[in-house]
Amino acid sequence: MSFNFVHELLFRLSKRTPKPASFERIRIRILSKWLLNKKDGSCSIIAFTSRLPREGVSTVVAGLARSFSKAEVGKILVLDVSNRRYGVSRLLNITTLAGFSDLPGYVTRDEKLDIDVITLADDTHSGIGAGQHTITLKERLLDKYNIILVDAGPLSSASGAYWLANSDYNVLVIDSTKTTRESLEYQQKEFENSNITIDGSILNKREFPIPDFLYWLAR
């Protein structure tokens, strides 16, 4: 592999990966629009999904988890139900197993960031009694954490459906390189006929015709 190829690959990855400042803006928007209005200080569940796989849901959740951690808003949980092989724990580089946990799934913890990641396997959501099991899990998580960020995977994922229907807020991640206006209009009609509501959206992989730093000239 040549140096030029590696340099080009890293350049493209950096162009497609949101910058930390982007997550800071999203976190501030979430806090000001939703979380600051909660007077009782109870836990908030924010679920993230997309129309199709590989639209950047896990990347967005990982970036926001770090941003919320720096803001010191309490104990944070990332709940990964996307069934991806390389999930949020890998993106966050949180691989240390919790010393003891009474929670199901693969539980990893970063003491410095004060972030826990629970990765649920697909069989956690299937089988007899799975629905009641998930309800009980939610009740236990609400007592342990201040903010729960859910990587629900794409809308076609059955494992994320419960969390999308039972979260406080749902956010749709949109890949601007593959999603058309027509597909979003169709998806809006689908939401109207379901028990899932979308409270906000994040436009991912947006390509600017001119460099970002020149946009201030047009303000």
C-alpha atoms as a PDB file:
ATOM      1  CA  MET A   1       0.000   0.000   0.000  1.00  0.00           C
ATOM      2  CA  SER A   2       1.582   3.272  -1.115  1.00  0.00           C
ATOM      3  CA  PHE A   3       1.889   6.360   1.055  1.00  0.00           C
ATOM      4  CA  ASN A   4      -0.228   8.366  -1.386  1.00  0.00           C
ATOM      5  CA  PHE A   5      -3.043   5.846  -1.140  1.00  0.00           C
ATOM      6  CA  VAL A   6      -2.946   5.848   2.660  1.00  0.00           C
ATOM      7  CA  HIS A   7      -2.908   9.659   2.723  1.00  0.00           C
ATOM      8  CA  GLU A   8      -5.895   9.814   0.358  1.00  0.00           C
ATOM      9  CA  LEU A   9      -7.797   7.230   2.417  1.00  0.00           C
ATOM     10  CA  LEU A  10      -7.208   9.127   5.664  1.00  0.00           C
ATOM     11  CA  PHE A  11      -8.239  12.370   3.964  1.00  0.00           C
ATOM     12  CA  ARG A  12     -11.517  10.875   2.772  1.00  0.00           C
ATOM     13  CA  LEU A  13     -12.256   9.359   6.177  1.00  0.00           C
ATOM     14  CA  SER A  14     -11.616  12.680   7.884  1.00  0.00           C
ATOM     15  CA  LYS A  15     -13.915  14.411   5.404  1.00  0.00           C
ATOM     16  CA  ARG A  16     -16.709  11.902   6.139  1.00  0.00           C
ATOM     17  CA  THR A  17     -16.303  11.829   9.920  1.00  0.00           C
ATOM     18  CA  PRO A  18     -18.059  14.684  11.747  1.00  0.00           C
ATOM     19  CA  LYS A  19     -15.755  16.997  13.663  1.00  0.00           C
ATOM     20  CA  PRO A  20     -16.016  17.223  17.485  1.00  0.00           C
ATOM     21  CA  ALA A  21     -17.450  20.744  17.144  1.00  0.00           C
ATOM     22  CA  SER A  22     -20.387  19.285  15.216  1.00  0.00           C
ATOM     23  CA  PHE A  23     -21.285  17.017  18.128  1.00  0.00           C
ATOM     24  CA  GLU A  24     -20.953  19.940  20.533  1.00  0.00           C
ATOM     25  CA  ARG A  25     -23.516  21.916  18.543  1.00  0.00           C
ATOM     26  CA  ILE A  26     -25.892  18.946  18.463  1.00  0.00           C
ATOM     27  CA  ARG A  27     -25.488  18.356  22.214  1.00  0.00           C
ATOM     28  CA  ILE A  28     -26.199  22.006  23.005  1.00  0.00           C
ATOM     29  CA  ARG A  29     -29.278  21.888  20.788  1.00  0.00           C
ATOM     30  CA  ILE A  30     -30.532  18.734  22.523  1.00  0.00           C
ATOM     31  CA  LEU A  31     -29.942  20.217  25.963  1.00  0.00           C
ATOM     32  CA  SER A  32     -31.619  23.525  25.206  1.00  0.00           C
ATOM     33  CA  LYS A  33     -34.557  22.103  23.277  1.00  0.00           C
ATOM     34  CA  TRP A  34     -35.365  19.007  25.319  1.00  0.00           C
ATOM     35  CA  LEU A  35     -33.342  18.188  28.415  1.00  0.00           C
ATOM     36  CA  LEU A  36     -33.213  21.557  30.182  1.00  0.00           C
ATOM     37  CA  ASN A  37     -37.005  21.592  30.291  1.00  0.00           C
ATOM     38  CA  LYS A  38     -37.084  18.556  32.590  1.00  0.00           C
ATOM     39  CA  LYS A  39     -37.605  19.906  36.098  1.00  0.00           C
ATOM     40  CA  ASP A  40     -37.480  16.601  37.964  1.00  0.00           C
ATOM     41  CA  GLY A  41     -33.991  15.634  36.810  1.00  0.00           C
ATOM     42  CA  SER A  42     -35.191  12.209  35.688  1.00  0.00           C
ATOM     43  CA  CYS A  43     -33.395  10.078  33.127  1.00  0.00           C
ATOM     44  CA  SER A  44     -33.895  10.881  29.441  1.00  0.00           C
ATOM     45  CA  ILE A  45     -33.797   8.276  26.673  1.00  0.00           C
ATOM     46  CA  ILE A  46     -32.769   9.543  23.230  1.00  0.00           C
ATOM     47  CA  ALA A  47     -32.878   6.989  20.413  1.00  0.00           C
ATOM     48  CA  PHE A  48     -31.121   7.355  17.076  1.00  0.00           C
ATOM     49  CA  THR A  49     -32.123   5.533  13.904  1.00  0.00           C
ATOM     50  CA  SER A  50     -31.863   5.760  10.118  1.00  0.00           C
ATOM     51  CA  ARG A  51     -33.793   4.650   7.064  1.00  0.00           C
ATOM     52  CA  LEU A  52     -31.065   2.291   5.889  1.00  0.00           C
ATOM     53  CA  PRO A  53     -27.987   0.602   7.376  1.00  0.00           C
ATOM     54  CA  ARG A  54     -24.627   2.398   7.311  1.00  0.00           C
ATOM     55  CA  GLU A  55     -25.976   5.946   7.437  1.00  0.00           C
ATOM     56  CA  GLY A  56     -23.785   6.834  10.417  1.00  0.00           C
ATOM     57  CA  VAL A  57     -26.000   6.178  13.449  1.00  0.00           C
ATOM     58  CA  SER A  58     -23.251   4.530  15.513  1.00  0.00           C
ATOM     59  CA  THR A  59     -20.787   7.328  14.668  1.00  0.00           C
ATOM     60  CA  VAL A  60     -23.281   9.984  15.748  1.00  0.00           C
ATOM     61  CA  VAL A  61     -24.106   8.180  19.006  1.00  0.00           C
ATOM     62  CA  ALA A  62     -20.410   7.712  19.832  1.00  0.00           C
ATOM     63  CA  GLY A  63     -19.626  11.373  19.154  1.00  0.00           C
ATOM     64  CA  LEU A  64     -22.538  12.592  21.255  1.00  0.00           C
ATOM     65  CA  ALA A  65     -21.614  10.265  24.122  1.00  0.00           C
ATOM     66  CA  ARG A  66     -18.172  11.880  24.319  1.00  0.00           C
ATOM     67  CA  SER A  67     -19.704  15.346  24.078  1.00  0.00           C
ATOM     68  CA  PHE A  68     -22.207  14.692  26.886  1.00  0.00           C
ATOM     69  CA  SER A  69     -19.404  13.206  28.987  1.00  0.00           C
ATOM     70  CA  LYS A  70     -17.373  16.419  28.743  1.00  0.00           C
ATOM     71  CA  ALA A  71     -20.458  18.447  29.696  1.00  0.00           C
ATOM     72  CA  GLU A  72     -20.711  16.584  33.035  1.00  0.00           C
ATOM     73  CA  VAL A  73     -24.461  16.079  32.868  1.00  0.00           C
ATOM     74  CA  GLY A  74     -24.470  12.900  34.936  1.00  0.00           C
ATOM     75  CA  LYS A  75     -23.969   9.219  34.309  1.00  0.00           C
ATOM     76  CA  ILE A  76     -24.297   8.266  30.660  1.00  0.00           C
ATOM     77  CA  LEU A  77     -25.286   4.970  29.107  1.00  0.00           C
ATOM     78  CA  VAL A  78     -24.949   4.028  25.474  1.00  0.00           C
ATOM     79  CA  LEU A  79     -27.367   1.219  24.674  1.00  0.00           C
ATOM     80  CA  ASP A  80     -26.394  -0.495  21.437  1.00  0.00           C
ATOM     81  CA  VAL A  81     -29.196  -2.639  20.027  1.00  0.00           C
ATOM     82  CA  SER A  82     -28.122  -2.290  16.399  1.00  0.00           C
ATOM     83  CA  ASN A  83     -26.627  -5.810  16.218  1.00  0.00           C
ATOM     84  CA  ARG A  84     -23.582  -4.479  14.416  1.00  0.00           C
ATOM     85  CA  ARG A  85     -20.320  -6.377  14.716  1.00  0.00           C
ATOM     86  CA  TYR A  86     -18.381  -3.142  15.125  1.00  0.00           C
ATOM     87  CA  GLY A  87     -20.647  -1.088  17.321  1.00  0.00           C
ATOM     88  CA  VAL A  88     -20.416   1.984  19.472  1.00  0.00           C
ATOM     89  CA  SER A  89     -18.067   0.411  22.017  1.00  0.00           C
ATOM     90  CA  ARG A  90     -15.438  -0.025  19.301  1.00  0.00           C
ATOM     91  CA  LEU A  91     -15.906   3.545  18.069  1.00  0.00           C
ATOM     92  CA  LEU A  92     -15.527   4.835  21.622  1.00  0.00           C
ATOM     93  CA  ASN A  93     -12.668   2.416  22.278  1.00  0.00           C
ATOM     94  CA  ILE A  94     -14.429   1.303  25.444  1.00  0.00           C
ATOM     95  CA  THR A  95     -13.423  -2.345  25.727  1.00  0.00           C
ATOM     96  CA  THR A  96     -12.939  -2.829  29.490  1.00  0.00           C
ATOM     97  CA  LEU A  97     -15.552  -5.192  30.858  1.00  0.00           C
ATOM     98  CA  ALA A  98     -17.476  -3.989  33.882  1.00  0.00           C
ATOM     99  CA  GLY A  99     -16.117  -5.737  36.978  1.00  0.00           C
ATOM    100  CA  PHE A 100     -19.606  -6.685  38.080  1.00  0.00           C
ATOM    101  CA  SER A 101     -22.892  -6.029  36.380  1.00  0.00           C
ATOM    102  CA  ASP A 102     -26.389  -7.347  36.928  1.00  0.00           C
ATOM    103  CA  LEU A 103     -27.390  -6.051  33.502  1.00  0.00           C
ATOM    104  CA  PRO A 104     -27.739  -8.272  30.423  1.00  0.00           C
ATOM    105  CA  GLY A 105     -25.601  -8.095  27.312  1.00  0.00           C
ATOM    106  CA  TYR A 106     -21.966  -7.140  26.869  1.00  0.00           C
ATOM    107  CA  VAL A 107     -21.296  -4.387  29.431  1.00  0.00           C
ATOM    108  CA  THR A 108     -18.178  -2.237  29.062  1.00  0.00           C
ATOM    109  CA  ARG A 109     -17.193   0.800  31.093  1.00  0.00           C
ATOM    110  CA  ASP A 110     -14.909   3.822  30.870  1.00  0.00           C
ATOM    111  CA  GLU A 111     -14.420   5.233  34.350  1.00  0.00           C
ATOM    112  CA  LYS A 112     -12.696   8.389  33.105  1.00  0.00           C
ATOM    113  CA  LEU A 113     -15.478   9.319  30.706  1.00  0.00           C
ATOM    114  CA  ASP A 114     -18.123   7.963  33.103  1.00  0.00           C
ATOM    115  CA  ILE A 115     -19.753   6.153  30.194  1.00  0.00           C
ATOM    116  CA  ASP A 116     -21.169   2.635  30.188  1.00  0.00           C
ATOM    117  CA  VAL A 117     -21.902   0.780  26.974  1.00  0.00           C
ATOM    118  CA  ILE A 118     -24.331  -2.122  26.878  1.00  0.00           C
ATOM    119  CA  THR A 119     -24.336  -4.112  23.650  1.00  0.00           C
ATOM    120  CA  LEU A 120     -27.387  -6.347  23.431  1.00  0.00           C
ATOM    121  CA  ALA A 121     -27.273  -9.453  21.284  1.00  0.00           C
ATOM    122  CA  ASP A 122     -30.118 -10.205  18.914  1.00  0.00           C
ATOM    123  CA  ASP A 123     -31.406 -13.077  21.051  1.00  0.00           C
ATOM    124  CA  THR A 124     -32.053 -10.624  23.915  1.00  0.00           C
ATOM    125  CA  HIS A 125     -35.050  -9.326  21.968  1.00  0.00           C
ATOM    126  CA  SER A 126     -36.447 -12.630  20.703  1.00  0.00           C
ATOM    127  CA  GLY A 127     -38.237 -15.556  22.278  1.00  0.00           C
ATOM    128  CA  ILE A 128     -41.015 -15.979  24.804  1.00  0.00           C
ATOM    129  CA  GLY A 129     -41.116 -13.223  27.423  1.00  0.00           C
ATOM    130  CA  ALA A 130     -38.716 -10.955  25.556  1.00  0.00           C
ATOM    131  CA  GLY A 131     -41.159  -8.048  25.631  1.00  0.00           C
ATOM    132  CA  GLN A 132     -41.549  -8.127  29.407  1.00  0.00           C
ATOM    133  CA  HIS A 133     -37.798  -8.626  29.777  1.00  0.00           C
ATOM    134  CA  THR A 134     -37.147  -5.442  27.789  1.00  0.00           C
ATOM    135  CA  ILE A 135     -39.648  -3.447  29.839  1.00  0.00           C
ATOM    136  CA  THR A 136     -37.955  -4.584  33.059  1.00  0.00           C
ATOM    137  CA  LEU A 137     -34.554  -3.687  31.632  1.00  0.00           C
ATOM    138  CA  LYS A 138     -35.753  -0.180  30.803  1.00  0.00           C
ATOM    139  CA  GLU A 139     -37.038   0.349  34.339  1.00  0.00           C
ATOM    140  CA  ARG A 140     -33.697  -0.716  35.799  1.00  0.00           C
ATOM    141  CA  LEU A 141     -31.730   1.535  33.463  1.00  0.00           C
ATOM    142  CA  LEU A 142     -33.851   4.572  34.338  1.00  0.00           C
ATOM    143  CA  ASP A 143     -32.757   4.215  37.967  1.00  0.00           C
ATOM    144  CA  LYS A 144     -29.050   3.947  37.144  1.00  0.00           C
ATOM    145  CA  TYR A 145     -28.408   6.642  34.529  1.00  0.00           C
ATOM    146  CA  ASN A 146     -29.118  10.293  33.749  1.00  0.00           C
ATOM    147  CA  ILE A 147     -28.930  10.094  29.956  1.00  0.00           C
ATOM    148  CA  ILE A 148     -29.373   7.015  27.777  1.00  0.00           C
ATOM    149  CA  LEU A 149     -28.326   7.251  24.129  1.00  0.00           C
ATOM    150  CA  VAL A 150     -29.752   4.364  22.103  1.00  0.00           C
ATOM    151  CA  ASP A 151     -28.212   3.148  18.858  1.00  0.00           C
ATOM    152  CA  ALA A 152     -31.388   1.588  17.480  1.00  0.00           C
ATOM    153  CA  GLY A 153     -29.893   0.756  14.098  1.00  0.00           C
ATOM    154  CA  PRO A 154     -31.953   1.153  10.917  1.00  0.00           C
ATOM    155  CA  LEU A 155     -35.741   1.260  10.986  1.00  0.00           C
ATOM    156  CA  SER A 156     -35.830  -2.234   9.502  1.00  0.00           C
ATOM    157  CA  SER A 157     -34.191  -3.624  12.659  1.00  0.00           C
ATOM    158  CA  ALA A 158     -36.766  -5.330  14.864  1.00  0.00           C
ATOM    159  CA  SER A 159     -34.470  -5.141  17.887  1.00  0.00           C
ATOM    160  CA  GLY A 160     -34.589  -1.327  17.923  1.00  0.00           C
ATOM    161  CA  ALA A 161     -38.349  -1.001  17.452  1.00  0.00           C
ATOM    162  CA  TYR A 162     -39.189  -1.187  21.163  1.00  0.00           C
ATOM    163  CA  TRP A 163     -36.726   1.554  22.102  1.00  0.00           C
ATOM    164  CA  LEU A 164     -37.919   3.845  19.308  1.00  0.00           C
ATOM    165  CA  ALA A 165     -41.498   3.425  20.527  1.00  0.00           C
ATOM    166  CA  ASN A 166     -40.578   3.921  24.197  1.00  0.00           C
ATOM    167  CA  SER A 167     -37.916   6.630  24.189  1.00  0.00           C
ATOM    168  CA  ASP A 168     -38.396  10.252  25.196  1.00  0.00           C
ATOM    169  CA  TYR A 169     -37.031  11.554  21.890  1.00  0.00           C
ATOM    170  CA  ASN A 170     -36.175  10.000  18.528  1.00  0.00           C
ATOM    171  CA  VAL A 171     -33.616  11.369  16.079  1.00  0.00           C
ATOM    172  CA  LEU A 172     -33.365  10.318  12.427  1.00  0.00           C
ATOM    173  CA  VAL A 173     -29.835  10.256  11.003  1.00  0.00           C
ATOM    174  CA  ILE A 174     -29.865  11.045   7.289  1.00  0.00           C
ATOM    175  CA  ASP A 175     -27.018  10.215   4.916  1.00  0.00           C
ATOM    176  CA  SER A 176     -27.109  13.100   2.442  1.00  0.00           C
ATOM    177  CA  THR A 177     -25.175  11.081  -0.148  1.00  0.00           C
ATOM    178  CA  LYS A 178     -27.872   8.416  -0.539  1.00  0.00           C
ATOM    179  CA  THR A 179     -31.183   9.829   0.766  1.00  0.00           C
ATOM    180  CA  THR A 180     -33.513  11.683  -1.600  1.00  0.00           C
ATOM    181  CA  ARG A 181     -36.363  14.089  -0.870  1.00  0.00           C
ATOM    182  CA  GLU A 182     -38.827  11.554  -2.270  1.00  0.00           C
ATOM    183  CA  SER A 183     -37.613   8.820   0.077  1.00  0.00           C
ATOM    184  CA  LEU A 184     -37.946  11.140   3.079  1.00  0.00           C
ATOM    185  CA  GLU A 185     -41.486  12.104   2.080  1.00  0.00           C
ATOM    186  CA  TYR A 186     -42.365   8.418   1.808  1.00  0.00           C
ATOM    187  CA  GLN A 187     -40.784   7.743   5.197  1.00  0.00           C
ATOM    188  CA  GLN A 188     -42.785  10.570   6.762  1.00  0.00           C
ATOM    189  CA  LYS A 189     -45.999   8.887   5.644  1.00  0.00           C
ATOM    190  CA  GLU A 190     -44.754   5.624   7.158  1.00  0.00           C
ATOM    191  CA  PHE A 191     -44.199   7.349  10.504  1.00  0.00           C
ATOM    192  CA  GLU A 192     -47.713   8.784  10.433  1.00  0.00           C
ATOM    193  CA  ASN A 193     -49.084   5.225  10.319  1.00  0.00           C
ATOM    194  CA  SER A 194     -46.900   3.881  13.128  1.00  0.00           C
ATOM    195  CA  ASN A 195     -46.361   4.425  16.857  1.00  0.00           C
ATOM    196  CA  ILE A 196     -42.906   5.931  16.235  1.00  0.00           C
ATOM    197  CA  THR A 197     -42.464   9.692  16.128  1.00  0.00           C
ATOM    198  CA  ILE A 198     -39.367  11.591  15.011  1.00  0.00           C
ATOM    199  CA  ASP A 199     -38.455  14.647  17.063  1.00  0.00           C
ATOM    200  CA  GLY A 200     -35.387  15.767  15.130  1.00  0.00           C
ATOM    201  CA  SER A 201     -32.929  14.855  12.401  1.00  0.00           C
ATOM    202  CA  ILE A 202     -29.188  14.983  11.779  1.00  0.00           C
ATOM    203  CA  LEU A 203     -27.874  15.466   8.261  1.00  0.00           C
ATOM    204  CA  ASN A 204     -24.762  13.306   8.015  1.00  0.00           C
ATOM    205  CA  LYS A 205     -22.006  13.359   5.370  1.00  0.00           C
ATOM    206  CA  ARG A 206     -23.095  16.700   4.012  1.00  0.00           C
ATOM    207  CA  GLU A 207     -20.836  17.895   1.220  1.00  0.00           C
ATOM    208  CA  PHE A 208     -20.230  21.628   0.865  1.00  0.00           C
ATOM    209  CA  PRO A 209     -19.510  23.072  -2.599  1.00  0.00           C
ATOM    210  CA  ILE A 210     -16.927  25.408  -1.062  1.00  0.00           C
ATOM    211  CA  PRO A 211     -14.687  24.977   2.012  1.00  0.00           C
ATOM    212  CA  ASP A 212     -16.495  25.319   5.352  1.00  0.00           C
ATOM    213  CA  PHE A 213     -14.337  28.203   6.583  1.00  0.00           C
ATOM    214  CA  LEU A 214     -15.487  30.397   3.682  1.00  0.00           C
ATOM    215  CA  TYR A 215     -19.162  30.229   4.651  1.00  0.00           C
ATOM    216  CA  TRP A 216     -18.778  33.004   7.217  1.00  0.00           C
ATOM    217  CA  LEU A 217     -18.423  35.421   4.283  1.00  0.00           C
ATOM    218  CA  ALA A 218     -22.046  34.807   3.360  1.00  0.00           C
ATOM    219  CA  ARG A 219     -23.439  35.430   6.849  1.00  0.00           C
END
